[in-house]
Amino acid sequence: MLPYYTLCDLGRLSVDDYLESRNVVARVLMPLMKYARRRRVEVCLRALEGLIEFEPNWDKRLKYSDFVVQYAKLKGPERVELERCLAQSTSREVAMGLFQEARDEAKREGFQQGRREALREGLLKAIQFGLELKFGVAGLALMSEIQKIQDLDLLNAIQETLKIANSPEEIRLWEPPTSH
């Protein structure tokens, strides 16, 4: 038997019909419903309060709070207003914890991305130095293709190959990225 689905155009549903809903899915989707633009912060706040009240799993709260804020498409001042409202909310400890956890996660992801980029840049510099030292201008001619590579394992392989290569052509045995 196939699963049963209900098709629903959220943009046609009045958010006012769901402000007090005990259905966590309805609460999370409230920012996608019909309401006046000036109510975005209020709707987002009520959605988050419902999520906090009706979803016991902390990881799911964190995950779906991101959806709520994305769905609401809050601008900078609206985000500040939302945080101010959350600080005064009955669910303030949990809500502010969610925002702090989201900030911490973003910092961790940014740090990891920064480390990855720094490692990539270091590998590229080492490869460039090795190509220039070993093969001169002929070796440096490969750099325009090598700089397109994002895969750190491939860059490491090129650097290792550089140690034993006798010509730039031996370095070219790897396949450069193809453009789609």
C-alpha atoms as a PDB file:
ATOM      1  CA  MET A   1       0.000   0.000   0.000  1.00  0.00           C
ATOM      2  CA  LEU A   2       1.309   3.447  -0.887  1.00  0.00           C
ATOM      3  CA  PRO A   3       1.718   6.046   1.847  1.00  0.00           C
ATOM      4  CA  TYR A   4      -1.068   8.572   2.192  1.00  0.00           C
ATOM      5  CA  TYR A   5      -0.175  12.226   1.701  1.00  0.00           C
ATOM      6  CA  THR A   6      -2.238  15.353   2.015  1.00  0.00           C
ATOM      7  CA  LEU A   7      -1.420  18.174  -0.375  1.00  0.00           C
ATOM      8  CA  CYS A   8      -1.503  21.527   1.327  1.00  0.00           C
ATOM      9  CA  ASP A   9      -0.785  25.048   0.043  1.00  0.00           C
ATOM     10  CA  LEU A  10       0.599  26.580   3.239  1.00  0.00           C
ATOM     11  CA  GLY A  11       0.516  30.080   1.780  1.00  0.00           C
ATOM     12  CA  ARG A  12      -3.287  29.906   1.733  1.00  0.00           C
ATOM     13  CA  LEU A  13      -3.636  28.880   5.387  1.00  0.00           C
ATOM     14  CA  SER A  14      -4.118  31.665   7.908  1.00  0.00           C
ATOM     15  CA  VAL A  15      -1.414  31.538  10.555  1.00  0.00           C
ATOM     16  CA  ASP A  16      -3.978  32.685  13.132  1.00  0.00           C
ATOM     17  CA  ASP A  17      -5.623  29.262  12.935  1.00  0.00           C
ATOM     18  CA  TYR A  18      -2.370  27.612  14.111  1.00  0.00           C
ATOM     19  CA  LEU A  19      -0.919  30.005  16.699  1.00  0.00           C
ATOM     20  CA  GLU A  20      -2.152  27.790  19.544  1.00  0.00           C
ATOM     21  CA  SER A  21      -1.722  24.459  17.748  1.00  0.00           C
ATOM     22  CA  ARG A  22      -0.206  21.595  19.718  1.00  0.00           C
ATOM     23  CA  ASN A  23       1.017  20.052  16.447  1.00  0.00           C
ATOM     24  CA  VAL A  24       4.764  20.656  16.283  1.00  0.00           C
ATOM     25  CA  VAL A  25       4.829  20.325  12.479  1.00  0.00           C
ATOM     26  CA  ALA A  26       2.145  22.991  12.107  1.00  0.00           C
ATOM     27  CA  ARG A  27       4.083  25.253  14.462  1.00  0.00           C
ATOM     28  CA  VAL A  28       7.364  24.797  12.557  1.00  0.00           C
ATOM     29  CA  LEU A  29       5.608  25.576   9.256  1.00  0.00           C
ATOM     30  CA  MET A  30       3.808  28.708  10.495  1.00  0.00           C
ATOM     31  CA  PRO A  31       6.313  31.112   8.863  1.00  0.00           C
ATOM     32  CA  LEU A  32       5.251  29.669   5.480  1.00  0.00           C
ATOM     33  CA  MET A  33       1.574  30.417   6.130  1.00  0.00           C
ATOM     34  CA  LYS A  34      -0.425  33.566   5.296  1.00  0.00           C
ATOM     35  CA  TYR A  35       0.069  36.593   7.566  1.00  0.00           C
ATOM     36  CA  ALA A  36       0.986  40.267   7.313  1.00  0.00           C
ATOM     37  CA  ARG A  37       4.697  40.846   6.716  1.00  0.00           C
ATOM     38  CA  ARG A  38       4.915  43.057   9.814  1.00  0.00           C
ATOM     39  CA  ARG A  39       4.086  39.970  11.930  1.00  0.00           C
ATOM     40  CA  ARG A  40       7.153  37.943  10.857  1.00  0.00           C
ATOM     41  CA  VAL A  41       8.905  38.212  14.221  1.00  0.00           C
ATOM     42  CA  GLU A  42       5.725  37.354  16.139  1.00  0.00           C
ATOM     43  CA  VAL A  43       4.993  34.334  13.923  1.00  0.00           C
ATOM     44  CA  CYS A  44       8.586  33.121  14.154  1.00  0.00           C
ATOM     45  CA  LEU A  45       8.520  33.537  17.942  1.00  0.00           C
ATOM     46  CA  ARG A  46       5.278  31.579  18.290  1.00  0.00           C
ATOM     47  CA  ALA A  47       6.630  28.857  15.993  1.00  0.00           C
ATOM     48  CA  LEU A  48       9.788  28.544  18.090  1.00  0.00           C
ATOM     49  CA  GLU A  49       7.826  28.530  21.347  1.00  0.00           C
ATOM     50  CA  GLY A  50       5.668  25.695  19.980  1.00  0.00           C
ATOM     51  CA  LEU A  51       8.742  23.798  18.873  1.00  0.00           C
ATOM     52  CA  ILE A  52      10.288  24.174  22.320  1.00  0.00           C
ATOM     53  CA  GLU A  53       7.082  23.213  24.099  1.00  0.00           C
ATOM     54  CA  PHE A  54       6.093  20.211  21.983  1.00  0.00           C
ATOM     55  CA  GLU A  55       9.400  18.708  20.797  1.00  0.00           C
ATOM     56  CA  PRO A  56      11.288  16.990  23.636  1.00  0.00           C
ATOM     57  CA  ASN A  57      14.378  16.040  21.576  1.00  0.00           C
ATOM     58  CA  TRP A  58      17.074  18.738  21.859  1.00  0.00           C
ATOM     59  CA  ASP A  59      18.736  17.832  18.534  1.00  0.00           C
ATOM     60  CA  LYS A  60      15.430  18.076  16.697  1.00  0.00           C
ATOM     61  CA  ARG A  61      14.698  21.396  18.382  1.00  0.00           C
ATOM     62  CA  LEU A  62      18.027  22.720  17.164  1.00  0.00           C
ATOM     63  CA  LYS A  63      17.517  21.370  13.646  1.00  0.00           C
ATOM     64  CA  TYR A  64      13.960  22.655  13.244  1.00  0.00           C
ATOM     65  CA  SER A  65      14.641  26.017  14.860  1.00  0.00           C
ATOM     66  CA  ASP A  66      16.986  26.671  11.921  1.00  0.00           C
ATOM     67  CA  PHE A  67      14.117  25.823   9.542  1.00  0.00           C
ATOM     68  CA  VAL A  68      11.748  28.179  11.345  1.00  0.00           C
ATOM     69  CA  VAL A  69      14.185  31.090  11.093  1.00  0.00           C
ATOM     70  CA  GLN A  70      14.976  30.304   7.446  1.00  0.00           C
ATOM     71  CA  TYR A  71      11.302  29.992   6.538  1.00  0.00           C
ATOM     72  CA  ALA A  72      10.579  33.352   8.177  1.00  0.00           C
ATOM     73  CA  LYS A  73      13.319  35.046   6.093  1.00  0.00           C
ATOM     74  CA  LEU A  74      14.098  37.443   8.922  1.00  0.00           C
ATOM     75  CA  LYS A  75      16.344  40.402   8.145  1.00  0.00           C
ATOM     76  CA  GLY A  76      19.074  41.631  10.531  1.00  0.00           C
ATOM     77  CA  PRO A  77      16.904  43.946  12.677  1.00  0.00           C
ATOM     78  CA  GLU A  78      14.140  41.334  12.785  1.00  0.00           C
ATOM     79  CA  ARG A  79      16.594  38.712  14.064  1.00  0.00           C
ATOM     80  CA  VAL A  80      17.662  41.108  16.814  1.00  0.00           C
ATOM     81  CA  GLU A  81      14.002  41.719  17.675  1.00  0.00           C
ATOM     82  CA  LEU A  82      13.347  37.950  17.729  1.00  0.00           C
ATOM     83  CA  GLU A  83      16.230  37.369  20.137  1.00  0.00           C
ATOM     84  CA  ARG A  84      14.947  40.199  22.356  1.00  0.00           C
ATOM     85  CA  CYS A  85      11.461  38.639  22.362  1.00  0.00           C
ATOM     86  CA  LEU A  86      12.884  35.180  23.071  1.00  0.00           C
ATOM     87  CA  ALA A  87      14.800  36.591  26.034  1.00  0.00           C
ATOM     88  CA  GLN A  88      11.459  37.696  27.499  1.00  0.00           C
ATOM     89  CA  SER A  89       9.592  34.523  26.540  1.00  0.00           C
ATOM     90  CA  THR A  90       8.457  31.900  29.039  1.00  0.00           C
ATOM     91  CA  SER A  91      10.699  29.500  27.099  1.00  0.00           C
ATOM     92  CA  ARG A  92      13.675  31.883  27.231  1.00  0.00           C
ATOM     93  CA  GLU A  93      16.266  29.531  28.718  1.00  0.00           C
ATOM     94  CA  VAL A  94      15.649  26.847  26.139  1.00  0.00           C
ATOM     95  CA  ALA A  95      15.252  29.321  23.281  1.00  0.00           C
ATOM     96  CA  MET A  96      18.432  31.214  24.061  1.00  0.00           C
ATOM     97  CA  GLY A  97      20.201  27.874  24.479  1.00  0.00           C
ATOM     98  CA  LEU A  98      19.054  26.935  20.979  1.00  0.00           C
ATOM     99  CA  PHE A  99      20.426  30.152  19.549  1.00  0.00           C
ATOM    100  CA  GLN A 100      23.693  29.786  21.441  1.00  0.00           C
ATOM    101  CA  GLU A 101      24.033  26.172  20.291  1.00  0.00           C
ATOM    102  CA  ALA A 102      23.354  27.256  16.690  1.00  0.00           C
ATOM    103  CA  ARG A 103      25.994  29.997  16.992  1.00  0.00           C
ATOM    104  CA  ASP A 104      28.508  27.556  18.466  1.00  0.00           C
ATOM    105  CA  GLU A 105      27.830  25.052  15.678  1.00  0.00           C
ATOM    106  CA  ALA A 106      28.289  27.774  13.047  1.00  0.00           C
ATOM    107  CA  LYS A 107      31.593  28.759  14.670  1.00  0.00           C
ATOM    108  CA  ARG A 108      32.765  25.130  14.663  1.00  0.00           C
ATOM    109  CA  GLU A 109      31.800  24.715  11.014  1.00  0.00           C
ATOM    110  CA  GLY A 110      33.522  27.989  10.130  1.00  0.00           C
ATOM    111  CA  PHE A 111      36.648  26.938  11.988  1.00  0.00           C
ATOM    112  CA  GLN A 112      36.710  23.572  10.187  1.00  0.00           C
ATOM    113  CA  GLN A 113      36.174  25.265   6.822  1.00  0.00           C
ATOM    114  CA  GLY A 114      38.952  27.746   7.636  1.00  0.00           C
ATOM    115  CA  ARG A 115      41.329  24.928   8.545  1.00  0.00           C
ATOM    116  CA  ARG A 116      40.491  23.094   5.339  1.00  0.00           C
ATOM    117  CA  GLU A 117      41.094  26.215   3.243  1.00  0.00           C
ATOM    118  CA  ALA A 118      44.375  26.920   5.042  1.00  0.00           C
ATOM    119  CA  LEU A 119      45.522  23.343   4.436  1.00  0.00           C
ATOM    120  CA  ARG A 120      44.558  23.598   0.767  1.00  0.00           C
ATOM    121  CA  GLU A 121      46.444  26.882   0.383  1.00  0.00           C
ATOM    122  CA  GLY A 122      49.491  25.367   2.088  1.00  0.00           C
ATOM    123  CA  LEU A 123      49.447  22.363  -0.235  1.00  0.00           C
ATOM    124  CA  LEU A 124      49.111  24.610  -3.281  1.00  0.00           C
ATOM    125  CA  LYS A 125      52.080  26.716  -2.167  1.00  0.00           C
ATOM    126  CA  ALA A 126      54.170  23.599  -1.524  1.00  0.00           C
ATOM    127  CA  ILE A 127      53.268  22.175  -4.934  1.00  0.00           C
ATOM    128  CA  GLN A 128      54.036  25.467  -6.645  1.00  0.00           C
ATOM    129  CA  PHE A 129      57.376  25.725  -4.856  1.00  0.00           C
ATOM    130  CA  GLY A 130      58.253  22.129  -5.774  1.00  0.00           C
ATOM    131  CA  LEU A 131      57.248  22.544  -9.411  1.00  0.00           C
ATOM    132  CA  GLU A 132      59.274  25.731  -9.758  1.00  0.00           C
ATOM    133  CA  LEU A 133      62.303  24.323  -7.971  1.00  0.00           C
ATOM    134  CA  LYS A 134      62.298  21.025  -9.840  1.00  0.00           C
ATOM    135  CA  PHE A 135      61.037  21.967 -13.326  1.00  0.00           C
ATOM    136  CA  GLY A 136      61.130  25.777 -13.599  1.00  0.00           C
ATOM    137  CA  VAL A 137      58.642  27.483 -15.901  1.00  0.00           C
ATOM    138  CA  ALA A 138      57.520  24.171 -17.434  1.00  0.00           C
ATOM    139  CA  GLY A 139      56.439  22.981 -13.991  1.00  0.00           C
ATOM    140  CA  LEU A 140      54.685  26.221 -13.114  1.00  0.00           C
ATOM    141  CA  ALA A 141      52.566  25.859 -16.264  1.00  0.00           C
ATOM    142  CA  LEU A 142      50.616  23.126 -14.413  1.00  0.00           C
ATOM    143  CA  MET A 143      49.552  25.442 -11.584  1.00  0.00           C
ATOM    144  CA  SER A 144      46.541  26.941 -13.396  1.00  0.00           C
ATOM    145  CA  GLU A 145      44.964  23.463 -13.530  1.00  0.00           C
ATOM    146  CA  ILE A 146      46.154  22.371 -10.087  1.00  0.00           C
ATOM    147  CA  GLN A 147      44.648  25.492  -8.444  1.00  0.00           C
ATOM    148  CA  LYS A 148      41.176  24.353  -9.552  1.00  0.00           C
ATOM    149  CA  ILE A 149      41.445  21.232  -7.402  1.00  0.00           C
ATOM    150  CA  GLN A 150      39.467  21.274  -4.141  1.00  0.00           C
ATOM    151  CA  ASP A 151      40.129  17.647  -3.133  1.00  0.00           C
ATOM    152  CA  LEU A 152      42.816  17.636  -0.422  1.00  0.00           C
ATOM    153  CA  ASP A 153      43.652  13.959  -1.013  1.00  0.00           C
ATOM    154  CA  LEU A 154      44.355  14.649  -4.661  1.00  0.00           C
ATOM    155  CA  LEU A 155      46.527  17.650  -3.773  1.00  0.00           C
ATOM    156  CA  ASN A 156      48.458  15.464  -1.312  1.00  0.00           C
ATOM    157  CA  ALA A 157      48.928  12.840  -4.044  1.00  0.00           C
ATOM    158  CA  ILE A 158      50.267  15.487  -6.429  1.00  0.00           C
ATOM    159  CA  GLN A 159      52.677  16.712  -3.776  1.00  0.00           C
ATOM    160  CA  GLU A 160      53.912  13.143  -3.158  1.00  0.00           C
ATOM    161  CA  THR A 161      54.238  12.483  -6.905  1.00  0.00           C
ATOM    162  CA  LEU A 162      56.282  15.660  -7.224  1.00  0.00           C
ATOM    163  CA  LYS A 163      58.956  14.140  -4.987  1.00  0.00           C
ATOM    164  CA  ILE A 164      59.688  11.304  -7.443  1.00  0.00           C
ATOM    165  CA  ALA A 165      58.615  12.796 -10.791  1.00  0.00           C
ATOM    166  CA  ASN A 166      61.274  13.280 -13.432  1.00  0.00           C
ATOM    167  CA  SER A 167      59.217  15.613 -15.638  1.00  0.00           C
ATOM    168  CA  PRO A 168      56.093  17.805 -15.488  1.00  0.00           C
ATOM    169  CA  GLU A 169      54.380  15.202 -17.660  1.00  0.00           C
ATOM    170  CA  GLU A 170      54.632  12.662 -14.824  1.00  0.00           C
ATOM    171  CA  ILE A 171      52.789  15.120 -12.589  1.00  0.00           C
ATOM    172  CA  ARG A 172      50.053  15.394 -15.234  1.00  0.00           C
ATOM    173  CA  LEU A 173      49.105  11.729 -14.783  1.00  0.00           C
ATOM    174  CA  TRP A 174      46.367  12.815 -12.374  1.00  0.00           C
ATOM    175  CA  GLU A 175      43.114  13.830 -14.007  1.00  0.00           C
ATOM    176  CA  PRO A 176      42.377  17.549 -13.777  1.00  0.00           C
ATOM    177  CA  PRO A 177      38.835  18.551 -12.766  1.00  0.00           C
ATOM    178  CA  THR A 178      36.354  18.724 -15.612  1.00  0.00           C
ATOM    179  CA  SER A 179      34.059  21.689 -15.938  1.00  0.00           C
ATOM    180  CA  HIS A 180      30.363  20.914 -16.335  1.00  0.00           C
END
